[in-house]
Amino acid sequence: MALTPSTMLLLGTPAPEFNLPDTEGRIISLNSYPESKGYLVMFICNHCPYVVHLKTHLAKMTAEYIKKGIAVFGINSNDFNSYPEDRPHKMKEDKEIYRYQFPYLIDESQDIARAYQAACTPDFFVFDSHKKLVYRGQYDSSRPGNKEPITGKDLELALQALLAGNLCSAEQLPSLGCNIKWKR
């Protein structure tokens, strides 16, 4: 596993639109949630140890913010032909096991990962209600094996600022994780 940082897309960038199937076969887009107070787009997968490390906490935290009006999307852009643990039926199992309240989307073409300049799993992007990027970076400073508690602090501070109508701190640290598994 290659430790890869997020690319830190320029703040203010408009959210690239997508129309992707979820694990139930429905087509989901940002426009599926027009009344949202904001949008959290996460590039995650099933097998990456950095995502596995966060799954339980991530499921609980995102459920809280969905209730507060944030539209949340998990997108798996990995080449699932080379990484069978990331295949759609396994994504559906993961969604059920961890009780994800957000749609878990399949980016088989990897075009959406490229549009977001996603580099790693996990990679987090927060957009305001006008779909302008206000945060990109890490969940928190916890990593597998570093013994720091999982808090979601960095992402949660950004979501709290967004909901309060405040600017997110400009000091944003890149996420770190496994590189997205690109098709050859």
N, C-alpha and C. Protein backbone atom coordinates (compact mmCIF):
# COMPACT_ATOMS: atom_id res chain seq x y z
N MET A 1 0.85 -1.18 0.00
CA MET A 1 0.00 0.00 0.00
C MET A 1 0.89 1.23 0.00
N ALA A 2 0.64 2.12 -0.96
CA ALA A 2 1.42 3.35 -1.08
C ALA A 2 0.71 4.47 -0.34
N LEU A 3 1.36 5.06 0.66
CA LEU A 3 0.78 6.16 1.40
C LEU A 3 0.73 7.38 0.48
N THR A 4 -0.47 7.88 0.24
CA THR A 4 -0.69 8.94 -0.74
C THR A 4 -1.47 10.07 -0.09
N PRO A 5 -1.03 11.34 -0.26
CA PRO A 5 -1.81 12.47 0.25
C PRO A 5 -2.85 12.93 -0.76
N SER A 6 -3.87 13.60 -0.27
CA SER A 6 -4.84 14.19 -1.19
C SER A 6 -4.19 15.35 -1.94
N THR A 7 -4.77 15.71 -3.07
CA THR A 7 -4.16 16.72 -3.94
C THR A 7 -4.47 18.14 -3.50
N MET A 8 -5.43 18.32 -2.62
CA MET A 8 -5.80 19.64 -2.09
C MET A 8 -6.31 20.55 -3.20
N LEU A 9 -7.38 20.12 -3.84
CA LEU A 9 -8.09 20.88 -4.85
C LEU A 9 -8.30 22.32 -4.37
N LEU A 10 -8.24 23.28 -5.26
CA LEU A 10 -8.34 24.69 -4.92
C LEU A 10 -9.69 25.01 -4.26
N LEU A 11 -9.65 25.67 -3.10
CA LEU A 11 -10.88 26.08 -2.43
C LEU A 11 -11.68 26.99 -3.37
N GLY A 12 -12.99 26.88 -3.32
CA GLY A 12 -13.86 27.65 -4.20
C GLY A 12 -14.19 26.93 -5.50
N THR A 13 -13.51 25.82 -5.77
CA THR A 13 -13.79 25.04 -6.98
C THR A 13 -15.23 24.54 -6.95
N PRO A 14 -15.96 24.67 -8.06
CA PRO A 14 -17.32 24.11 -8.11
C PRO A 14 -17.28 22.58 -8.05
N ALA A 15 -18.27 22.01 -7.39
CA ALA A 15 -18.35 20.55 -7.29
C ALA A 15 -18.59 19.94 -8.66
N PRO A 16 -17.73 19.06 -9.11
CA PRO A 16 -18.02 18.36 -10.36
C PRO A 16 -19.29 17.51 -10.21
N GLU A 17 -20.17 17.63 -11.16
CA GLU A 17 -21.43 16.87 -11.12
C GLU A 17 -21.14 15.40 -11.42
N PHE A 18 -22.00 14.54 -10.95
CA PHE A 18 -21.90 13.11 -11.26
C PHE A 18 -23.29 12.51 -11.30
N ASN A 19 -23.41 11.43 -12.00
CA ASN A 19 -24.59 10.57 -12.05
C ASN A 19 -24.07 9.16 -11.97
N LEU A 20 -24.09 8.61 -10.75
CA LEU A 20 -23.48 7.30 -10.52
C LEU A 20 -24.49 6.34 -9.90
N PRO A 21 -24.34 5.05 -10.22
CA PRO A 21 -25.20 4.06 -9.57
C PRO A 21 -24.76 3.82 -8.13
N ASP A 22 -25.76 3.61 -7.27
CA ASP A 22 -25.45 3.21 -5.90
C ASP A 22 -25.53 1.70 -5.80
N THR A 23 -25.36 1.18 -4.61
CA THR A 23 -25.33 -0.27 -4.42
C THR A 23 -26.70 -0.91 -4.63
N GLU A 24 -27.75 -0.10 -4.78
CA GLU A 24 -29.09 -0.61 -5.06
C GLU A 24 -29.46 -0.46 -6.53
N GLY A 25 -28.54 0.14 -7.32
CA GLY A 25 -28.80 0.31 -8.74
C GLY A 25 -29.46 1.63 -9.11
N ARG A 26 -29.75 2.48 -8.11
CA ARG A 26 -30.33 3.79 -8.40
C ARG A 26 -29.24 4.73 -8.88
N ILE A 27 -29.58 5.67 -9.74
CA ILE A 27 -28.63 6.69 -10.19
C ILE A 27 -28.76 7.89 -9.26
N ILE A 28 -27.63 8.30 -8.69
CA ILE A 28 -27.59 9.37 -7.69
C ILE A 28 -26.69 10.49 -8.22
N SER A 29 -27.08 11.72 -7.93
CA SER A 29 -26.27 12.88 -8.31
C SER A 29 -26.32 13.90 -7.18
N LEU A 30 -25.49 14.92 -7.28
CA LEU A 30 -25.56 16.03 -6.32
C LEU A 30 -26.96 16.65 -6.38
N ASN A 31 -27.52 16.71 -7.57
CA ASN A 31 -28.84 17.31 -7.76
C ASN A 31 -29.96 16.46 -7.17
N SER A 32 -29.64 15.26 -6.70
CA SER A 32 -30.64 14.43 -6.02
C SER A 32 -31.02 15.03 -4.67
N TYR A 33 -30.22 16.00 -4.19
CA TYR A 33 -30.42 16.60 -2.87
C TYR A 33 -30.38 18.13 -3.00
N PRO A 34 -31.37 18.73 -3.69
CA PRO A 34 -31.31 20.17 -4.00
C PRO A 34 -31.45 21.09 -2.78
N GLU A 35 -32.03 20.62 -1.72
CA GLU A 35 -32.26 21.48 -0.54
C GLU A 35 -31.17 21.33 0.52
N SER A 36 -30.07 20.71 0.19
CA SER A 36 -29.01 20.45 1.17
C SER A 36 -28.33 21.75 1.61
N LYS A 37 -27.92 21.75 2.86
CA LYS A 37 -27.17 22.88 3.41
C LYS A 37 -25.70 22.80 3.00
N GLY A 38 -25.30 21.65 2.51
CA GLY A 38 -23.93 21.42 2.08
C GLY A 38 -23.80 20.00 1.58
N TYR A 39 -22.62 19.69 1.05
CA TYR A 39 -22.38 18.39 0.43
C TYR A 39 -21.03 17.85 0.90
N LEU A 40 -21.02 16.62 1.33
CA LEU A 40 -19.78 15.93 1.68
C LEU A 40 -19.60 14.79 0.69
N VAL A 41 -18.54 14.89 -0.10
CA VAL A 41 -18.21 13.86 -1.07
C VAL A 41 -16.94 13.16 -0.58
N MET A 42 -17.04 11.86 -0.37
CA MET A 42 -15.92 11.08 0.18
C MET A 42 -15.53 10.00 -0.81
N PHE A 43 -14.26 9.90 -1.08
CA PHE A 43 -13.76 8.79 -1.89
C PHE A 43 -13.26 7.74 -0.90
N ILE A 44 -13.97 6.63 -0.87
CA ILE A 44 -13.68 5.55 0.08
C ILE A 44 -13.70 4.23 -0.68
N CYS A 45 -13.39 3.17 0.00
CA CYS A 45 -13.49 1.83 -0.58
C CYS A 45 -13.64 0.85 0.56
N ASN A 46 -13.70 -0.42 0.26
CA ASN A 46 -13.87 -1.44 1.29
C ASN A 46 -12.56 -1.89 1.91
N HIS A 47 -11.50 -2.01 1.11
CA HIS A 47 -10.33 -2.75 1.58
C HIS A 47 -9.20 -1.90 2.15
N CYS A 48 -9.14 -0.63 1.85
CA CYS A 48 -8.02 0.21 2.29
C CYS A 48 -7.94 0.26 3.82
N PRO A 49 -6.80 -0.04 4.42
CA PRO A 49 -6.68 -0.01 5.88
C PRO A 49 -6.98 1.36 6.49
N TYR A 50 -6.74 2.43 5.73
CA TYR A 50 -7.01 3.78 6.24
C TYR A 50 -8.51 4.04 6.31
N VAL A 51 -9.26 3.47 5.39
CA VAL A 51 -10.72 3.57 5.44
C VAL A 51 -11.27 2.61 6.48
N VAL A 52 -10.79 1.39 6.49
CA VAL A 52 -11.24 0.39 7.47
C VAL A 52 -11.09 0.95 8.89
N HIS A 53 -10.01 1.65 9.13
CA HIS A 53 -9.72 2.27 10.43
C HIS A 53 -10.84 3.21 10.87
N LEU A 54 -11.50 3.88 9.91
CA LEU A 54 -12.49 4.91 10.23
C LEU A 54 -13.94 4.47 10.11
N LYS A 55 -14.21 3.33 9.52
CA LYS A 55 -15.57 2.98 9.10
C LYS A 55 -16.64 3.16 10.17
N THR A 56 -16.44 2.62 11.34
CA THR A 56 -17.47 2.69 12.38
C THR A 56 -17.73 4.14 12.78
N HIS A 57 -16.67 4.89 13.03
CA HIS A 57 -16.81 6.30 13.43
C HIS A 57 -17.41 7.11 12.29
N LEU A 58 -16.95 6.88 11.08
CA LEU A 58 -17.42 7.60 9.90
C LEU A 58 -18.93 7.38 9.70
N ALA A 59 -19.38 6.16 9.87
CA ALA A 59 -20.81 5.85 9.72
C ALA A 59 -21.65 6.65 10.72
N LYS A 60 -21.19 6.71 11.97
CA LYS A 60 -21.94 7.44 13.00
C LYS A 60 -21.91 8.94 12.74
N MET A 61 -20.73 9.48 12.43
CA MET A 61 -20.62 10.92 12.23
C MET A 61 -21.43 11.38 11.02
N THR A 62 -21.33 10.66 9.91
CA THR A 62 -22.08 11.08 8.72
C THR A 62 -23.58 10.99 8.96
N ALA A 63 -24.04 10.00 9.71
CA ALA A 63 -25.47 9.91 10.03
C ALA A 63 -25.94 11.15 10.78
N GLU A 64 -25.11 11.65 11.69
CA GLU A 64 -25.46 12.87 12.43
C GLU A 64 -25.59 14.07 11.50
N TYR A 65 -24.66 14.19 10.56
CA TYR A 65 -24.68 15.36 9.67
C TYR A 65 -25.73 15.25 8.58
N ILE A 66 -26.12 14.06 8.23
CA ILE A 66 -27.25 13.89 7.31
C ILE A 66 -28.50 14.44 7.98
N LYS A 67 -28.69 14.16 9.26
CA LYS A 67 -29.84 14.68 10.01
C LYS A 67 -29.82 16.20 10.08
N LYS A 68 -28.64 16.80 9.99
CA LYS A 68 -28.50 18.26 10.06
C LYS A 68 -28.59 18.93 8.69
N GLY A 69 -28.83 18.14 7.65
CA GLY A 69 -29.05 18.72 6.33
C GLY A 69 -27.89 18.66 5.37
N ILE A 70 -26.85 17.90 5.70
CA ILE A 70 -25.72 17.73 4.79
C ILE A 70 -25.97 16.49 3.93
N ALA A 71 -25.85 16.63 2.62
CA ALA A 71 -25.94 15.47 1.73
C ALA A 71 -24.56 14.81 1.70
N VAL A 72 -24.53 13.53 1.94
CA VAL A 72 -23.27 12.79 2.04
C VAL A 72 -23.25 11.71 0.96
N PHE A 73 -22.10 11.57 0.32
CA PHE A 73 -21.92 10.58 -0.73
C PHE A 73 -20.60 9.86 -0.50
N GLY A 74 -20.61 8.54 -0.53
CA GLY A 74 -19.38 7.75 -0.55
C GLY A 74 -19.19 7.26 -1.98
N ILE A 75 -18.01 7.48 -2.53
CA ILE A 75 -17.74 7.05 -3.91
C ILE A 75 -16.54 6.11 -3.91
N ASN A 76 -16.74 4.95 -4.53
CA ASN A 76 -15.65 3.98 -4.69
C ASN A 76 -15.21 4.03 -6.15
N SER A 77 -14.00 4.51 -6.37
CA SER A 77 -13.46 4.64 -7.73
C SER A 77 -12.38 3.60 -8.02
N ASN A 78 -12.11 2.70 -7.09
CA ASN A 78 -11.06 1.72 -7.30
C ASN A 78 -11.41 0.75 -8.44
N ASP A 79 -10.37 0.25 -9.09
CA ASP A 79 -10.51 -0.77 -10.12
C ASP A 79 -10.89 -2.08 -9.42
N PHE A 80 -12.19 -2.36 -9.40
CA PHE A 80 -12.63 -3.54 -8.64
C PHE A 80 -12.36 -4.85 -9.36
N ASN A 81 -11.98 -4.78 -10.62
CA ASN A 81 -11.57 -6.03 -11.29
C ASN A 81 -10.22 -6.50 -10.75
N SER A 82 -9.37 -5.55 -10.40
CA SER A 82 -8.06 -5.90 -9.81
C SER A 82 -8.13 -6.03 -8.29
N TYR A 83 -9.15 -5.42 -7.68
CA TYR A 83 -9.31 -5.44 -6.21
C TYR A 83 -10.71 -5.95 -5.90
N PRO A 84 -10.90 -7.27 -5.89
CA PRO A 84 -12.24 -7.87 -5.75
C PRO A 84 -12.99 -7.46 -4.48
N GLU A 85 -12.27 -7.08 -3.41
CA GLU A 85 -12.96 -6.65 -2.19
C GLU A 85 -13.76 -5.37 -2.40
N ASP A 86 -13.47 -4.64 -3.49
CA ASP A 86 -14.16 -3.39 -3.77
C ASP A 86 -15.27 -3.54 -4.81
N ARG A 87 -15.62 -4.77 -5.15
CA ARG A 87 -16.69 -5.00 -6.13
C ARG A 87 -18.03 -4.52 -5.56
N PRO A 88 -18.97 -4.15 -6.44
CA PRO A 88 -20.25 -3.60 -6.00
C PRO A 88 -21.01 -4.46 -4.98
N HIS A 89 -21.04 -5.78 -5.15
CA HIS A 89 -21.76 -6.59 -4.16
C HIS A 89 -21.08 -6.54 -2.79
N LYS A 90 -19.76 -6.37 -2.76
CA LYS A 90 -19.04 -6.23 -1.49
C LYS A 90 -19.31 -4.84 -0.90
N MET A 91 -19.45 -3.82 -1.76
CA MET A 91 -19.82 -2.48 -1.29
C MET A 91 -21.18 -2.53 -0.61
N LYS A 92 -22.11 -3.24 -1.21
CA LYS A 92 -23.45 -3.37 -0.63
C LYS A 92 -23.38 -4.04 0.75
N GLU A 93 -22.55 -5.07 0.86
CA GLU A 93 -22.36 -5.74 2.16
C GLU A 93 -21.79 -4.77 3.18
N ASP A 94 -20.77 -4.00 2.78
CA ASP A 94 -20.15 -3.03 3.69
C ASP A 94 -21.17 -1.99 4.15
N LYS A 95 -21.97 -1.50 3.23
CA LYS A 95 -23.00 -0.51 3.55
C LYS A 95 -23.95 -1.06 4.61
N GLU A 96 -24.31 -2.33 4.49
CA GLU A 96 -25.22 -2.96 5.46
C GLU A 96 -24.52 -3.19 6.80
N ILE A 97 -23.30 -3.70 6.75
CA ILE A 97 -22.57 -3.99 7.99
C ILE A 97 -22.36 -2.73 8.82
N TYR A 98 -21.93 -1.64 8.17
CA TYR A 98 -21.62 -0.41 8.90
C TYR A 98 -22.80 0.55 8.99
N ARG A 99 -23.92 0.15 8.38
CA ARG A 99 -25.15 0.95 8.41
C ARG A 99 -24.93 2.36 7.87
N TYR A 100 -24.22 2.44 6.76
CA TYR A 100 -24.04 3.73 6.10
C TYR A 100 -25.40 4.29 5.73
N GLN A 101 -25.64 5.54 6.10
CA GLN A 101 -26.88 6.22 5.75
C GLN A 101 -26.76 6.95 4.42
N PHE A 102 -25.54 7.06 3.92
CA PHE A 102 -25.29 7.76 2.67
C PHE A 102 -25.27 6.77 1.50
N PRO A 103 -25.56 7.25 0.29
CA PRO A 103 -25.42 6.36 -0.87
C PRO A 103 -23.96 6.04 -1.12
N TYR A 104 -23.69 4.79 -1.37
CA TYR A 104 -22.33 4.31 -1.66
C TYR A 104 -22.29 4.08 -3.16
N LEU A 105 -21.56 4.93 -3.87
CA LEU A 105 -21.64 5.02 -5.32
C LEU A 105 -20.46 4.34 -6.02
N ILE A 106 -20.74 3.85 -7.20
CA ILE A 106 -19.77 3.09 -7.99
C ILE A 106 -19.28 3.95 -9.16
N ASP A 107 -18.01 4.32 -9.12
CA ASP A 107 -17.39 5.12 -10.19
C ASP A 107 -16.53 4.18 -11.03
N GLU A 108 -17.19 3.30 -11.77
CA GLU A 108 -16.47 2.28 -12.52
C GLU A 108 -15.52 2.87 -13.56
N SER A 109 -15.92 3.96 -14.20
CA SER A 109 -15.08 4.59 -15.23
C SER A 109 -13.92 5.37 -14.63
N GLN A 110 -14.00 5.69 -13.36
CA GLN A 110 -13.02 6.49 -12.63
C GLN A 110 -13.01 7.96 -13.07
N ASP A 111 -13.97 8.36 -13.89
CA ASP A 111 -14.05 9.73 -14.37
C ASP A 111 -14.34 10.72 -13.24
N ILE A 112 -15.14 10.30 -12.28
CA ILE A 112 -15.50 11.23 -11.19
C ILE A 112 -14.29 11.44 -10.28
N ALA A 113 -13.54 10.40 -9.98
CA ALA A 113 -12.32 10.57 -9.18
C ALA A 113 -11.38 11.55 -9.88
N ARG A 114 -11.26 11.43 -11.18
CA ARG A 114 -10.39 12.35 -11.93
C ARG A 114 -10.94 13.78 -11.87
N ALA A 115 -12.25 13.94 -12.00
CA ALA A 115 -12.87 15.27 -11.96
C ALA A 115 -12.63 15.96 -10.63
N TYR A 116 -12.64 15.18 -9.54
CA TYR A 116 -12.41 15.73 -8.20
C TYR A 116 -10.92 15.80 -7.86
N GLN A 117 -10.09 15.27 -8.72
CA GLN A 117 -8.66 15.13 -8.46
C GLN A 117 -8.42 14.34 -7.18
N ALA A 118 -9.29 13.36 -6.94
CA ALA A 118 -9.12 12.48 -5.78
C ALA A 118 -7.85 11.66 -5.99
N ALA A 119 -7.12 11.46 -4.92
CA ALA A 119 -5.85 10.75 -5.02
C ALA A 119 -5.78 9.53 -4.12
N CYS A 120 -6.55 9.56 -3.03
CA CYS A 120 -6.39 8.52 -2.03
C CYS A 120 -7.74 8.14 -1.44
N THR A 121 -7.71 7.05 -0.68
CA THR A 121 -8.85 6.66 0.13
C THR A 121 -8.37 6.61 1.58
N PRO A 122 -9.02 7.38 2.44
CA PRO A 122 -10.16 8.26 2.17
C PRO A 122 -9.70 9.64 1.68
N ASP A 123 -10.57 10.28 0.92
CA ASP A 123 -10.34 11.65 0.45
C ASP A 123 -11.67 12.38 0.63
N PHE A 124 -11.66 13.50 1.35
CA PHE A 124 -12.89 14.20 1.74
C PHE A 124 -12.98 15.58 1.10
N PHE A 125 -14.18 15.91 0.61
CA PHE A 125 -14.45 17.20 -0.01
C PHE A 125 -15.78 17.73 0.54
N VAL A 126 -15.76 18.95 1.08
CA VAL A 126 -16.97 19.57 1.60
C VAL A 126 -17.28 20.79 0.73
N PHE A 127 -18.53 20.84 0.26
CA PHE A 127 -19.01 21.94 -0.57
C PHE A 127 -20.17 22.64 0.14
N ASP A 128 -20.27 23.95 -0.04
CA ASP A 128 -21.38 24.69 0.55
C ASP A 128 -22.66 24.45 -0.25
N SER A 129 -23.73 25.12 0.13
CA SER A 129 -25.02 24.91 -0.53
C SER A 129 -25.00 25.36 -1.99
N HIS A 130 -24.03 26.19 -2.36
CA HIS A 130 -23.87 26.62 -3.75
C HIS A 130 -22.90 25.71 -4.51
N LYS A 131 -22.49 24.64 -3.85
CA LYS A 131 -21.59 23.62 -4.42
C LYS A 131 -20.20 24.18 -4.72
N LYS A 132 -19.71 25.05 -3.84
CA LYS A 132 -18.34 25.57 -3.93
C LYS A 132 -17.53 24.89 -2.83
N LEU A 133 -16.30 24.48 -3.16
CA LEU A 133 -15.45 23.76 -2.22
C LEU A 133 -15.02 24.66 -1.06
N VAL A 134 -15.29 24.20 0.17
CA VAL A 134 -14.89 24.94 1.36
C VAL A 134 -13.89 24.16 2.22
N TYR A 135 -13.81 22.86 2.01
CA TYR A 135 -12.87 22.04 2.78
C TYR A 135 -12.48 20.83 1.95
N ARG A 136 -11.20 20.52 2.01
CA ARG A 136 -10.68 19.25 1.47
C ARG A 136 -9.50 18.90 2.37
N GLY A 137 -9.50 17.67 2.81
CA GLY A 137 -8.42 17.29 3.71
C GLY A 137 -8.74 16.08 4.54
N GLN A 138 -8.07 16.00 5.66
CA GLN A 138 -8.13 14.80 6.48
C GLN A 138 -9.38 14.74 7.37
N TYR A 139 -9.71 13.54 7.76
CA TYR A 139 -10.79 13.28 8.71
C TYR A 139 -10.33 13.75 10.09
N ASP A 140 -9.16 13.29 10.46
CA ASP A 140 -8.47 13.70 11.68
C ASP A 140 -7.04 13.18 11.57
N SER A 141 -6.27 13.27 12.63
CA SER A 141 -4.87 12.84 12.55
C SER A 141 -4.65 11.38 12.94
N SER A 142 -5.73 10.64 13.20
CA SER A 142 -5.62 9.22 13.51
C SER A 142 -5.32 8.43 12.24
N ARG A 143 -4.40 7.49 12.37
CA ARG A 143 -4.05 6.59 11.27
C ARG A 143 -3.89 5.19 11.86
N PRO A 144 -4.03 4.16 11.06
CA PRO A 144 -3.83 2.81 11.60
C PRO A 144 -2.47 2.70 12.28
N GLY A 145 -2.48 2.29 13.52
CA GLY A 145 -1.24 2.05 14.24
C GLY A 145 -0.62 3.25 14.93
N ASN A 146 -1.14 4.48 14.74
CA ASN A 146 -0.49 5.62 15.40
C ASN A 146 -1.05 5.90 16.80
N LYS A 147 -2.04 5.17 17.22
CA LYS A 147 -2.60 5.22 18.58
C LYS A 147 -3.32 6.54 18.90
N GLU A 148 -3.50 7.41 17.92
CA GLU A 148 -4.29 8.61 18.16
C GLU A 148 -5.76 8.23 18.04
N PRO A 149 -6.62 8.78 18.91
CA PRO A 149 -8.03 8.41 18.85
C PRO A 149 -8.70 8.93 17.58
N ILE A 150 -9.68 8.19 17.12
CA ILE A 150 -10.48 8.61 15.96
C ILE A 150 -11.53 9.57 16.47
N THR A 151 -11.48 10.80 15.98
CA THR A 151 -12.44 11.83 16.42
C THR A 151 -13.20 12.46 15.26
N GLY A 152 -12.63 12.44 14.07
CA GLY A 152 -13.23 13.14 12.95
C GLY A 152 -13.13 14.65 13.08
N LYS A 153 -12.26 15.11 13.97
CA LYS A 153 -12.19 16.52 14.35
C LYS A 153 -12.04 17.48 13.16
N ASP A 154 -11.12 17.22 12.26
CA ASP A 154 -10.87 18.15 11.16
C ASP A 154 -12.10 18.28 10.26
N LEU A 155 -12.66 17.18 9.88
CA LEU A 155 -13.85 17.20 9.03
C LEU A 155 -15.03 17.78 9.77
N GLU A 156 -15.19 17.41 11.02
CA GLU A 156 -16.33 17.91 11.80
C GLU A 156 -16.26 19.42 12.00
N LEU A 157 -15.07 19.97 12.24
CA LEU A 157 -14.94 21.43 12.38
C LEU A 157 -15.37 22.13 11.09
N ALA A 158 -15.02 21.55 9.95
CA ALA A 158 -15.42 22.14 8.67
C ALA A 158 -16.95 22.08 8.50
N LEU A 159 -17.55 20.96 8.85
CA LEU A 159 -19.00 20.82 8.72
C LEU A 159 -19.73 21.74 9.69
N GLN A 160 -19.20 21.87 10.90
CA GLN A 160 -19.81 22.79 11.88
C GLN A 160 -19.74 24.23 11.40
N ALA A 161 -18.59 24.63 10.87
CA ALA A 161 -18.44 26.00 10.35
C ALA A 161 -19.43 26.23 9.20
N LEU A 162 -19.52 25.29 8.30
CA LEU A 162 -20.45 25.41 7.18
C LEU A 162 -21.88 25.60 7.67
N LEU A 163 -22.32 24.77 8.60
CA LEU A 163 -23.69 24.85 9.11
C LEU A 163 -23.95 26.14 9.88
N ALA A 164 -22.90 26.70 10.50
CA ALA A 164 -23.04 27.95 11.25
C ALA A 164 -22.94 29.18 10.34
N GLY A 165 -22.65 28.96 9.07
CA GLY A 165 -22.50 30.07 8.14
C GLY A 165 -21.16 30.76 8.23
N ASN A 166 -20.18 30.07 8.80
CA ASN A 166 -18.83 30.62 8.95
C ASN A 166 -17.90 30.03 7.91
N LEU A 167 -16.79 30.71 7.69
CA LEU A 167 -15.76 30.17 6.80
C LEU A 167 -15.02 29.04 7.50
N CYS A 168 -14.65 28.05 6.76
CA CYS A 168 -13.80 26.99 7.30
C CYS A 168 -12.39 27.55 7.43
N SER A 169 -11.66 27.04 8.36
CA SER A 169 -10.27 27.45 8.52
C SER A 169 -9.52 27.18 7.21
N ALA A 170 -8.64 28.11 6.85
CA ALA A 170 -7.82 27.92 5.64
C ALA A 170 -6.70 26.92 5.89
N GLU A 171 -6.42 26.64 7.16
CA GLU A 171 -5.40 25.63 7.50
C GLU A 171 -6.05 24.25 7.42
N GLN A 172 -5.82 23.60 6.31
CA GLN A 172 -6.41 22.29 6.07
C GLN A 172 -5.29 21.32 5.70
N LEU A 173 -5.25 20.22 6.42
CA LEU A 173 -4.20 19.22 6.19
C LEU A 173 -4.70 18.15 5.23
N PRO A 174 -3.83 17.71 4.33
CA PRO A 174 -4.26 16.68 3.37
C PRO A 174 -4.62 15.38 4.06
N SER A 175 -5.57 14.70 3.47
CA SER A 175 -5.87 13.35 3.90
C SER A 175 -4.70 12.46 3.47
N LEU A 176 -4.53 11.35 4.14
CA LEU A 176 -3.52 10.38 3.78
C LEU A 176 -4.16 9.01 3.73
N GLY A 177 -3.80 8.24 2.74
CA GLY A 177 -4.36 6.90 2.64
C GLY A 177 -3.74 6.15 1.50
N CYS A 178 -4.40 5.07 1.12
CA CYS A 178 -3.96 4.28 -0.03
C CYS A 178 -4.29 5.06 -1.30
N ASN A 179 -3.44 4.93 -2.29
CA ASN A 179 -3.74 5.57 -3.56
C ASN A 179 -4.98 4.92 -4.18
N ILE A 180 -5.73 5.71 -4.93
CA ILE A 180 -6.83 5.14 -5.69
C ILE A 180 -6.24 4.12 -6.66
N LYS A 181 -6.88 3.00 -6.78
CA LYS A 181 -6.40 1.90 -7.62
C LYS A 181 -6.90 2.14 -9.04
N TRP A 182 -6.06 2.82 -9.83
CA TRP A 182 -6.41 3.20 -11.20
C TRP A 182 -6.34 1.99 -12.13
N LYS A 183 -7.20 2.00 -13.12
CA LYS A 183 -7.15 0.96 -14.15
C LYS A 183 -5.92 1.19 -14.99
N ARG A 184 -5.37 0.11 -15.52
CA ARG A 184 -4.19 0.23 -16.37
C ARG A 184 -4.56 0.55 -17.79
